[in-house]
Every structure is written in C-alpha cells, then in structure tokens.
Amino acid sequence: MLIVINFYTIKTLSATRAYVNGESHYSKGHNIATRNLINYIFTYKKEYWTKFKSNLDIPIGDAKARMALIKNLDTETIKQGFREGHNEEDDLNDMIWLFKNFKNYSFFKKAIIEWESGDVLNIKLYQIGFDVKKKIDNNELDYETKIQILEQLDEINKKISLKQDAFSRYLGEGTRQVNNYLLLVNIFFTFIIIGSISFYYSAMLQKIIKSKQELNQQKEQLEAIINDLEKTKQDLSTEIVQHKKIIGTISHDIRSPLKYIQLIAKHLCTNTKKTKNEVIFKYANSIYKSSLQLYEFTKTLIEYSKIYIEDRDYDQKIYSVYDLIEDKKVFFEDIAANNGTKIINKTPLKLNSDINIRIVSIIIHNLLDNAVKNTNSGTIEIGAQTDSDKITYWVKDTGSGMSQDIIDYYTNLFKNRDAEKLILSTYGIGLHLVLELLIILKGNISFSNPTNGGTTVTIDIYFKPNKSLS
C-alpha cells in the first residue's frame, strides 16, 4: 500500500509540475505574441506578424488540449494539443491522468475555469491581431486607432495575468492539499507497519522464550535419560561379568566331565576291539560317539553365548578358510565313515578370510553335522569361494534331502528375521543357530535339492567396507 500511495504521490507531483511548466510556456507565449503584435503595429514588418502567430499558437495549443479533454477525445488528439503548447513529451501522460482524475475536485475545477478564461482572452487577442493586419493591409491604421489597440492589449494583458496567477494558485493549493492527505495516509500505514513489526517481534520473542524453556526441559529430560543409560550400561557391564563367570563355570563343570567320559569311552573302544568282543565294542563305540557329539554341542553353545555376551564385531587376523573347513572335516570323518559316507573339502588352499572365525566355525559345524546325520552311503562336499564383495560357503550332500515344506519354513523364518522365533522349532536347533548367527554377520542363506538327491545349502557373507582378502 505504501508503494502504491507513494507512486501516486510522485505521479501527482510530477503532473502538477508539468502543468506549472505548461503555464509558464502559456504565459510566455502570450507575452511574446503581444510584444510582436505591438512591433508589427508600429513597423508593419511581416516577421513580427509571423512571430505573433507562432507564439500565440502556444496558448491556443493548450486550449485545444483542454477542449479535447473535456470532450473526452482520443489520447493522441489531446497530446497533440499539449505538444503545440510546448509541453514535455514525457509529461503528457501524467497531465492527462491528473486532468481526468481530479477534474471534479473543487481546486482543479477552479483552475480549469481560470484556464478557460485565459483561452477566451487569447482568442480575443488573436482576433485583434487579424483586425490589425487587415487595417495595415488596407492602409487604414491611423495613430488614434493604434492608441486604442494598445489600450485593448494592455487590458487583455492585465486580465490574463490575473487568470494565470489564479490558475497557479488554485493548482498549488489543491496539490498541497492532496499531498497533505497522502502524507497522512503514509503516516497511517507507517504506524501500521511499525505496529505489525512490534507485534511480530513480541510474538516471536515470546515464542523464542517458550522454545528456550521447552529446550531446557528437554535438556533436563535428556540428562536424566543419559544418567539412566549410564546406570543401565554399568548394570549391563556387571551382568556381562556375571555371565562370563557363569559361562566359565559351565565350561569347567560340564565340559570337563564330558571330556572325561569321552576319554573313558575311547579307551573302552580300544580295549574291547582288542578282545574282539563285538557287542561290548558296539556299545562302547556308541558311548564314545555320543559323548563326543555332546561335548562338541556343549562347546558350540558356549561359543554361541560368548558371541552375544562379548563383542559381536570380533576382529582378528586373516585365517585360512581351507584349514578351518579341513578341521571340521576331520572331526566328522569317523562318524561319516561309519555311515559309509565320504566328506570332500573343495576349498582352494590359498583362500583366506577375516570374518569372525568363531561365528563361521559354528555355522560350518552345524551345516556339516546336519549333512552327516542325513547322509548314508554317499558323499558330502563342503567348500568356499570369493568374489569382490563376499565369500560363499556351501555344503552339498547326497542324503535323504530336505522336504520343500522344511525349506520353505527356514527360508520364511530367515526373511522375517524374528529373533524370538528362531530358537523355537520342531526341526532342531542347529539350523536355527545358523540363521541367527547369519543375522549377526548380515549374510544370506539358500537351500536347493539337486537332481541327484540330497540338499545343497549355500551361504553368502559380505565383506565389510575397506576389508580385503589375501
């Protein structure tokens, strides 16, 4: 609003200035025309007559513009009249705008009346001039007539001077009045802006104060949460220490007797084999195998517990994947041989890895254990290979194979990644441990039934960024 008001304020002042300048040209044209007419009366020189007409055309041009404005003629006709009155081209639009928008205001009405009266006097001057020319052309202009004409010109000059002064006075007073009104409007909107800014500032200040209070409250809450987390961290550290002690106790109190039973059973197998007592040898051998499996199962559970209690991002030096798989192959070879099954290690000798060896070891152990349990008089292939971003392990057996229902069960269970469901199953705990450990490693597992029977289990474990194999 301020921009619009100030725009029209400037426009009004500019148009008023243009009319004042026009009045100056109007007055100057009349005066010079009168002077040239007097010179023509006493000298009879045609150049004075020509100058009389050309200078009188200036106020007459303004008169044409006034008449065109009153009759609401086209803009070009109005402008042509103002051009004849020697008004500036850049001011013409503002002059037309002021006349059309202020013609009904009292101050401008009075100014137009004075303007019209001045035009009547200029027309009278024009008629006197033509009468003088006619008398000169007819050699009828005597001295007494000249004196009469000079008296008429003097009277016209006095009257037109009064009209010009009145025009300027009315226009100036009206312009000052309009400017005063516009100034009041400017002041009004300025106060509105100041009030709005003050209100906005006050509102924002209150909002900032409120936000600061809320931030202080949140800070206090966060500090309380941090304190609780620190206490929880300390409590967890204490529990971890206790769990480590429990695991140590389990390791000593369970694994030691199992190891002792395993050694006794092995000794019995050796002795009964020498005595060639097949029945006792069979029982002793069963006890030995069972105690060995139970010992390894207990060892696996303890390692699994350590993984969750200790750091999951277990970091270590690069190890040989071939040696890791070979150790597991050696462990299950005797059991597989009793079932007429052969285990084959397909891993390249130079293949290395730096992925958590404890987790990978448990995964391979359980996969190989499942393959041995379900394969009779067949073969089991186990191997690994790498590409740029992952290492792939596979266990392929020619055993009884997994049904499609079981494959779907484990596949869906792994996709859902529900840790609470992983440990519960009618299919055994081994593969559930594998699935949960793969979640830790962010790996993938897939199952397939080859055309020659059996099952192939494939595992992909992706390397961490900036890790490399040698």
Foldseek 3Di string as FASTA:
>chain_A
DLVVLVVVLVLLVLLLVLVLVLLVLLLVLLVLLLVLLLVCLVPVDVVSVVSNVLSLQLLVLCVQLLVCLVVVHDLVSNVRSNVSNVGDPVNSVSNSVCCVVCCPPPLNVQLVVLSVVLNVLSVVVVVLSVVSNVCVVVVNDDDVNSVVSVVSSVVSSVSNVVSSVSNSVSSVVVSVVVVVVSVVVSVVVVVVVVVVVVVVVVVVVVVVVVVVVVVVVVVVVVVVVVVVVVVVVVVLVVVLVVVVVVLVCCCCVPLVVLVVQLVVLVVQLVVCVVVVPVVSNVVSVVSNVVSLVVNVVSVLVSLLVCCVSDPVQDWDDKDFPQVLLVVLQVSCQVLLVVLLEEEAEPEDRQWIDGHDSSLVSLLSNLVVVVQSVFAGNWYKYWYWDDDDWKIKIKIWIQGQADDPVVQVVLQVCLVVPDLVCLCDDPPDRSVSSNSPSCVSQVKDWHKDADPSGTIMIMIIGTDDPPDDTD
